[in-house]
Amino acid sequence: MTMNIGSIDRILRVVVGVALIALVFVGPQTPWGWIGVVPLLTALVGVCPAYSIFGIRTCKRK
C-alpha cells in the first residue's frame, strides 16, 4: 500500500484521535470515544482505506 495521507492531514488525524480517546477518560466518559483509534491508526500508518477507494491523495507524489 502506498501512502496517501499528507503531513498536515496526519497531524490533524492525530489531534482528533487523541481528543476522541481522551473523551473516554475525561468528559462524558462514553465508549464512543474509542472511535478515535481509527484516525490515530491511519495517521500512524499513513494510509487511509477510504482515500484509496475514492482515489484521494493528500501527500505529494514521488
PDB file of N, CA and C in Angstrom:
ATOM      1  N   MET A   1       0.834  -1.169   0.000  1.00  0.00           N
ATOM      2  CA  MET A   1       0.000   0.000   0.000  1.00  0.00           C
ATOM      3  C   MET A   1       0.889   1.246   0.000  1.00  0.00           C
ATOM      4  N   THR A   2       0.549   2.195  -0.794  1.00  0.00           N
ATOM      5  CA  THR A   2       1.313   3.429  -0.844  1.00  0.00           C
ATOM      6  C   THR A   2       0.668   4.471   0.061  1.00  0.00           C
ATOM      7  N   MET A   3       1.490   5.350   0.589  1.00  0.00           N
ATOM      8  CA  MET A   3       0.972   6.401   1.461  1.00  0.00           C
ATOM      9  C   MET A   3       0.058   7.332   0.668  1.00  0.00           C
ATOM     10  N   ASN A   4      -1.063   7.686   1.276  1.00  0.00           N
ATOM     11  CA  ASN A   4      -1.969   8.621   0.625  1.00  0.00           C
ATOM     12  C   ASN A   4      -2.422   9.734   1.574  1.00  0.00           C
ATOM     13  N   ILE A   5      -1.718   9.865   2.716  1.00  0.00           N
ATOM     14  CA  ILE A   5      -2.052  10.898   3.692  1.00  0.00           C
ATOM     15  C   ILE A   5      -0.861  11.829   3.839  1.00  0.00           C
ATOM     16  N   GLY A   6      -1.094  13.118   3.637  1.00  0.00           N
ATOM     17  CA  GLY A   6      -0.038  14.113   3.753  1.00  0.00           C
ATOM     18  C   GLY A   6       0.249  14.483   5.199  1.00  0.00           C
ATOM     19  N   SER A   7       1.262  15.315   5.398  1.00  0.00           N
ATOM     20  CA  SER A   7       1.705  15.638   6.758  1.00  0.00           C
ATOM     21  C   SER A   7       0.670  16.439   7.547  1.00  0.00           C
ATOM     22  N   ILE A   8       0.030  17.411   6.929  1.00  0.00           N
ATOM     23  CA  ILE A   8      -0.988  18.199   7.641  1.00  0.00           C
ATOM     24  C   ILE A   8      -2.172  17.312   7.996  1.00  0.00           C
ATOM     25  N   ASP A   9      -2.569  16.459   7.075  1.00  0.00           N
ATOM     26  CA  ASP A   9      -3.668  15.529   7.314  1.00  0.00           C
ATOM     27  C   ASP A   9      -3.326  14.577   8.457  1.00  0.00           C
ATOM     28  N   ARG A  10      -2.090  14.114   8.503  1.00  0.00           N
ATOM     29  CA  ARG A  10      -1.658  13.203   9.574  1.00  0.00           C
ATOM     30  C   ARG A  10      -1.699  13.895  10.932  1.00  0.00           C
ATOM     31  N   ILE A  11      -1.239  15.131  10.984  1.00  0.00           N
ATOM     32  CA  ILE A  11      -1.245  15.880  12.246  1.00  0.00           C
ATOM     33  C   ILE A  11      -2.669  16.074  12.737  1.00  0.00           C
ATOM     34  N   LEU A  12      -3.568  16.453  11.834  1.00  0.00           N
ATOM     35  CA  LEU A  12      -4.969  16.643  12.215  1.00  0.00           C
ATOM     36  C   LEU A  12      -5.597  15.343  12.694  1.00  0.00           C
ATOM     37  N   ARG A  13      -5.265  14.233  12.052  1.00  0.00           N
ATOM     38  CA  ARG A  13      -5.807  12.943  12.473  1.00  0.00           C
ATOM     39  C   ARG A  13      -5.310  12.548  13.860  1.00  0.00           C
ATOM     40  N   VAL A  14      -4.046  12.816  14.149  1.00  0.00           N
ATOM     41  CA  VAL A  14      -3.516  12.501  15.478  1.00  0.00           C
ATOM     42  C   VAL A  14      -4.221  13.341  16.539  1.00  0.00           C
ATOM     43  N   VAL A  15      -4.398  14.632  16.269  1.00  0.00           N
ATOM     44  CA  VAL A  15      -5.056  15.522  17.233  1.00  0.00           C
ATOM     45  C   VAL A  15      -6.500  15.076  17.481  1.00  0.00           C
ATOM     46  N   VAL A  16      -7.235  14.790  16.404  1.00  0.00           N
ATOM     47  CA  VAL A  16      -8.631  14.360  16.548  1.00  0.00           C
ATOM     48  C   VAL A  16      -8.702  13.005  17.249  1.00  0.00           C
ATOM     49  N   GLY A  17      -7.816  12.089  16.889  1.00  0.00           N
ATOM     50  CA  GLY A  17      -7.814  10.770  17.505  1.00  0.00           C
ATOM     51  C   GLY A  17      -7.536  10.830  18.997  1.00  0.00           C
ATOM     52  N   VAL A  18      -6.533  11.585  19.384  1.00  0.00           N
ATOM     53  CA  VAL A  18      -6.199  11.718  20.807  1.00  0.00           C
ATOM     54  C   VAL A  18      -7.330  12.414  21.560  1.00  0.00           C
ATOM     55  N   ALA A  19      -7.943  13.426  20.950  1.00  0.00           N
ATOM     56  CA  ALA A  19      -9.051  14.129  21.596  1.00  0.00           C
ATOM     57  C   ALA A  19     -10.238  13.198  21.820  1.00  0.00           C
ATOM     58  N   LEU A  20     -10.557  12.372  20.828  1.00  0.00           N
ATOM     59  CA  LEU A  20     -11.675  11.438  20.982  1.00  0.00           C
ATOM     60  C   LEU A  20     -11.381  10.376  22.036  1.00  0.00           C
ATOM     61  N   ILE A  21     -10.168   9.868  22.048  1.00  0.00           N
ATOM     62  CA  ILE A  21      -9.808   8.878  23.058  1.00  0.00           C
ATOM     63  C   ILE A  21      -9.819   9.504  24.447  1.00  0.00           C
ATOM     64  N   ALA A  22      -9.434  10.762  24.566  1.00  0.00           N
ATOM     65  CA  ALA A  22      -9.450  11.454  25.857  1.00  0.00           C
ATOM     66  C   ALA A  22     -10.867  11.566  26.405  1.00  0.00           C
ATOM     67  N   LEU A  23     -11.860  11.607  25.522  1.00  0.00           N
ATOM     68  CA  LEU A  23     -13.254  11.674  25.975  1.00  0.00           C
ATOM     69  C   LEU A  23     -13.676  10.423  26.729  1.00  0.00           C
ATOM     70  N   VAL A  24     -12.977   9.321  26.509  1.00  0.00           N
ATOM     71  CA  VAL A  24     -13.298   8.093  27.239  1.00  0.00           C
ATOM     72  C   VAL A  24     -12.962   8.260  28.716  1.00  0.00           C
ATOM     73  N   PHE A  25     -11.895   8.999  29.002  1.00  0.00           N
ATOM     74  CA  PHE A  25     -11.421   9.141  30.370  1.00  0.00           C
ATOM     75  C   PHE A  25     -11.884  10.437  31.037  1.00  0.00           C
ATOM     76  N   VAL A  26     -12.090  11.487  30.243  1.00  0.00           N
ATOM     77  CA  VAL A  26     -12.499  12.788  30.766  1.00  0.00           C
ATOM     78  C   VAL A  26     -13.735  13.220  29.996  1.00  0.00           C
ATOM     79  N   GLY A  27     -14.649  13.865  30.650  1.00  0.00           N
ATOM     80  CA  GLY A  27     -15.843  14.343  29.962  1.00  0.00           C
ATOM     81  C   GLY A  27     -16.996  13.370  30.113  1.00  0.00           C
ATOM     82  N   PRO A  28     -17.733  13.118  29.027  1.00  0.00           N
ATOM     83  CA  PRO A  28     -18.922  12.268  29.151  1.00  0.00           C
ATOM     84  C   PRO A  28     -18.606  10.794  29.442  1.00  0.00           C
ATOM     85  N   GLN A  29     -17.391  10.371  29.258  1.00  0.00           N
ATOM     86  CA  GLN A  29     -16.925   9.018  29.545  1.00  0.00           C
ATOM     87  C   GLN A  29     -17.802   7.942  28.902  1.00  0.00           C
ATOM     88  N   THR A  30     -18.035   8.090  27.611  1.00  0.00           N
ATOM     89  CA  THR A  30     -18.775   7.080  26.862  1.00  0.00           C
ATOM     90  C   THR A  30     -17.807   6.279  26.004  1.00  0.00           C
ATOM     91  N   PRO A  31     -18.154   5.046  25.681  1.00  0.00           N
ATOM     92  CA  PRO A  31     -17.264   4.233  24.855  1.00  0.00           C
ATOM     93  C   PRO A  31     -17.138   4.730  23.413  1.00  0.00           C
ATOM     94  N   TRP A  32     -17.944   5.687  23.004  1.00  0.00           N
ATOM     95  CA  TRP A  32     -17.850   6.220  21.642  1.00  0.00           C
ATOM     96  C   TRP A  32     -16.517   6.894  21.381  1.00  0.00           C
ATOM     97  N   GLY A  33     -15.819   7.276  22.422  1.00  0.00           N
ATOM     98  CA  GLY A  33     -14.521   7.910  22.251  1.00  0.00           C
ATOM     99  C   GLY A  33     -13.483   6.991  21.639  1.00  0.00           C
ATOM    100  N   TRP A  34     -13.696   5.675  21.743  1.00  0.00           N
ATOM    101  CA  TRP A  34     -12.746   4.722  21.170  1.00  0.00           C
ATOM    102  C   TRP A  34     -12.743   4.759  19.651  1.00  0.00           C
ATOM    103  N   ILE A  35     -13.679   5.467  19.049  1.00  0.00           N
ATOM    104  CA  ILE A  35     -13.655   5.665  17.597  1.00  0.00           C
ATOM    105  C   ILE A  35     -12.399   6.449  17.204  1.00  0.00           C
ATOM    106  N   GLY A  36     -11.823   7.173  18.153  1.00  0.00           N
ATOM    107  CA  GLY A  36     -10.603   7.927  17.909  1.00  0.00           C
ATOM    108  C   GLY A  36      -9.411   7.059  17.552  1.00  0.00           C
ATOM    109  N   VAL A  37      -9.512   5.760  17.784  1.00  0.00           N
ATOM    110  CA  VAL A  37      -8.420   4.850  17.419  1.00  0.00           C
ATOM    111  C   VAL A  37      -8.259   4.794  15.900  1.00  0.00           C
ATOM    112  N   VAL A  38      -9.349   4.919  15.170  1.00  0.00           N
ATOM    113  CA  VAL A  38      -9.304   4.822  13.710  1.00  0.00           C
ATOM    114  C   VAL A  38      -8.466   5.952  13.100  1.00  0.00           C
ATOM    115  N   PRO A  39      -8.756   7.225  13.374  1.00  0.00           N
ATOM    116  CA  PRO A  39      -7.899   8.260  12.782  1.00  0.00           C
ATOM    117  C   PRO A  39      -6.465   8.204  13.300  1.00  0.00           C
ATOM    118  N   LEU A  40      -6.293   7.770  14.542  1.00  0.00           N
ATOM    119  CA  LEU A  40      -4.945   7.666  15.093  1.00  0.00           C
ATOM    120  C   LEU A  40      -4.136   6.598  14.362  1.00  0.00           C
ATOM    121  N   LEU A  41      -4.729   5.445  14.113  1.00  0.00           N
ATOM    122  CA  LEU A  41      -4.029   4.377  13.397  1.00  0.00           C
ATOM    123  C   LEU A  41      -3.750   4.742  11.947  1.00  0.00           C
ATOM    124  N   THR A  42      -4.718   5.366  11.279  1.00  0.00           N
ATOM    125  CA  THR A  42      -4.486   5.744   9.881  1.00  0.00           C
ATOM    126  C   THR A  42      -3.397   6.803   9.781  1.00  0.00           C
ATOM    127  N   ALA A  43      -3.301   7.687  10.784  1.00  0.00           N
ATOM    128  CA  ALA A  43      -2.235   8.690  10.782  1.00  0.00           C
ATOM    129  C   ALA A  43      -0.876   8.040  10.997  1.00  0.00           C
ATOM    130  N   LEU A  44      -0.807   7.078  11.895  1.00  0.00           N
ATOM    131  CA  LEU A  44       0.465   6.423  12.175  1.00  0.00           C
ATOM    132  C   LEU A  44       0.933   5.568  11.002  1.00  0.00           C
ATOM    133  N   VAL A  45       0.003   4.908  10.313  1.00  0.00           N
ATOM    134  CA  VAL A  45       0.355   4.053   9.177  1.00  0.00           C
ATOM    135  C   VAL A  45       0.580   4.888   7.920  1.00  0.00           C
ATOM    136  N   GLY A  46      -0.190   5.971   7.768  1.00  0.00           N
ATOM    137  CA  GLY A  46      -0.048   6.831   6.600  1.00  0.00           C
ATOM    138  C   GLY A  46      -0.924   6.438   5.435  1.00  0.00           C
ATOM    139  N   VAL A  47      -1.852   5.511   5.674  1.00  0.00           N
ATOM    140  CA  VAL A  47      -2.740   5.035   4.611  1.00  0.00           C
ATOM    141  C   VAL A  47      -4.174   5.086   5.119  1.00  0.00           C
ATOM    142  N   CYS A  48      -5.043   5.691   4.332  1.00  0.00           N
ATOM    143  CA  CYS A  48      -6.459   5.738   4.652  1.00  0.00           C
ATOM    144  C   CYS A  48      -7.214   4.891   3.619  1.00  0.00           C
ATOM    145  N   PRO A  49      -7.880   3.820   4.056  1.00  0.00           N
ATOM    146  CA  PRO A  49      -8.617   2.977   3.113  1.00  0.00           C
ATOM    147  C   PRO A  49      -9.710   3.741   2.345  1.00  0.00           C
ATOM    148  N   ALA A  50     -10.367   4.663   3.000  1.00  0.00           N
ATOM    149  CA  ALA A  50     -11.414   5.443   2.319  1.00  0.00           C
ATOM    150  C   ALA A  50     -10.806   6.308   1.214  1.00  0.00           C
ATOM    151  N   TYR A  51      -9.636   6.887   1.471  1.00  0.00           N
ATOM    152  CA  TYR A  51      -8.960   7.675   0.445  1.00  0.00           C
ATOM    153  C   TYR A  51      -8.602   6.788  -0.747  1.00  0.00           C
ATOM    154  N   SER A  52      -8.193   5.561  -0.482  1.00  0.00           N
ATOM    155  CA  SER A  52      -7.846   4.637  -1.570  1.00  0.00           C
ATOM    156  C   SER A  52      -9.055   4.329  -2.437  1.00  0.00           C
ATOM    157  N   ILE A  53     -10.199   4.121  -1.816  1.00  0.00           N
ATOM    158  CA  ILE A  53     -11.421   3.800  -2.560  1.00  0.00           C
ATOM    159  C   ILE A  53     -11.823   4.957  -3.468  1.00  0.00           C
ATOM    160  N   PHE A  54     -11.751   6.186  -2.959  1.00  0.00           N
ATOM    161  CA  PHE A  54     -12.186   7.348  -3.721  1.00  0.00           C
ATOM    162  C   PHE A  54     -11.073   7.994  -4.540  1.00  0.00           C
ATOM    163  N   GLY A  55      -9.860   7.467  -4.457  1.00  0.00           N
ATOM    164  CA  GLY A  55      -8.757   7.991  -5.249  1.00  0.00           C
ATOM    165  C   GLY A  55      -8.218   9.325  -4.772  1.00  0.00           C
ATOM    166  N   ILE A  56      -8.307   9.589  -3.485  1.00  0.00           N
ATOM    167  CA  ILE A  56      -7.852  10.853  -2.920  1.00  0.00           C
ATOM    168  C   ILE A  56      -6.430  10.681  -2.393  1.00  0.00           C
ATOM    169  N   ARG A  57      -5.589  11.676  -2.623  1.00  0.00           N
ATOM    170  CA  ARG A  57      -4.226  11.697  -2.074  1.00  0.00           C
ATOM    171  C   ARG A  57      -3.968  13.100  -1.539  1.00  0.00           C
ATOM    172  N   THR A  58      -3.551  13.181  -0.283  1.00  0.00           N
ATOM    173  CA  THR A  58      -3.199  14.480   0.268  1.00  0.00           C
ATOM    174  C   THR A  58      -1.694  14.634   0.425  1.00  0.00           C
ATOM    175  N   CYS A  59      -0.935  13.630   0.011  1.00  0.00           N
ATOM    176  CA  CYS A  59       0.526  13.738   0.071  1.00  0.00           C
ATOM    177  C   CYS A  59       1.061  13.963  -1.342  1.00  0.00           C
ATOM    178  N   LYS A  60       2.272  14.460  -1.395  1.00  0.00           N
ATOM    179  CA  LYS A  60       2.903  14.711  -2.685  1.00  0.00           C
ATOM    180  C   LYS A  60       3.360  13.390  -3.298  1.00  0.00           C
ATOM    181  N   ARG A  61       3.254  13.314  -4.586  1.00  0.00           N
ATOM    182  CA  ARG A  61       3.711  12.103  -5.288  1.00  0.00           C
ATOM    183  C   ARG A  61       5.220  12.118  -5.423  1.00  0.00           C
ATOM    184  N   LYS A  62       5.811  10.944  -5.373  1.00  0.00           N
ATOM    185  CA  LYS A  62       7.268  10.837  -5.502  1.00  0.00           C
ATOM    186  C   LYS A  62       7.677  10.684  -6.940  1.00  0.00           C
TER     187      LYS A  62
END
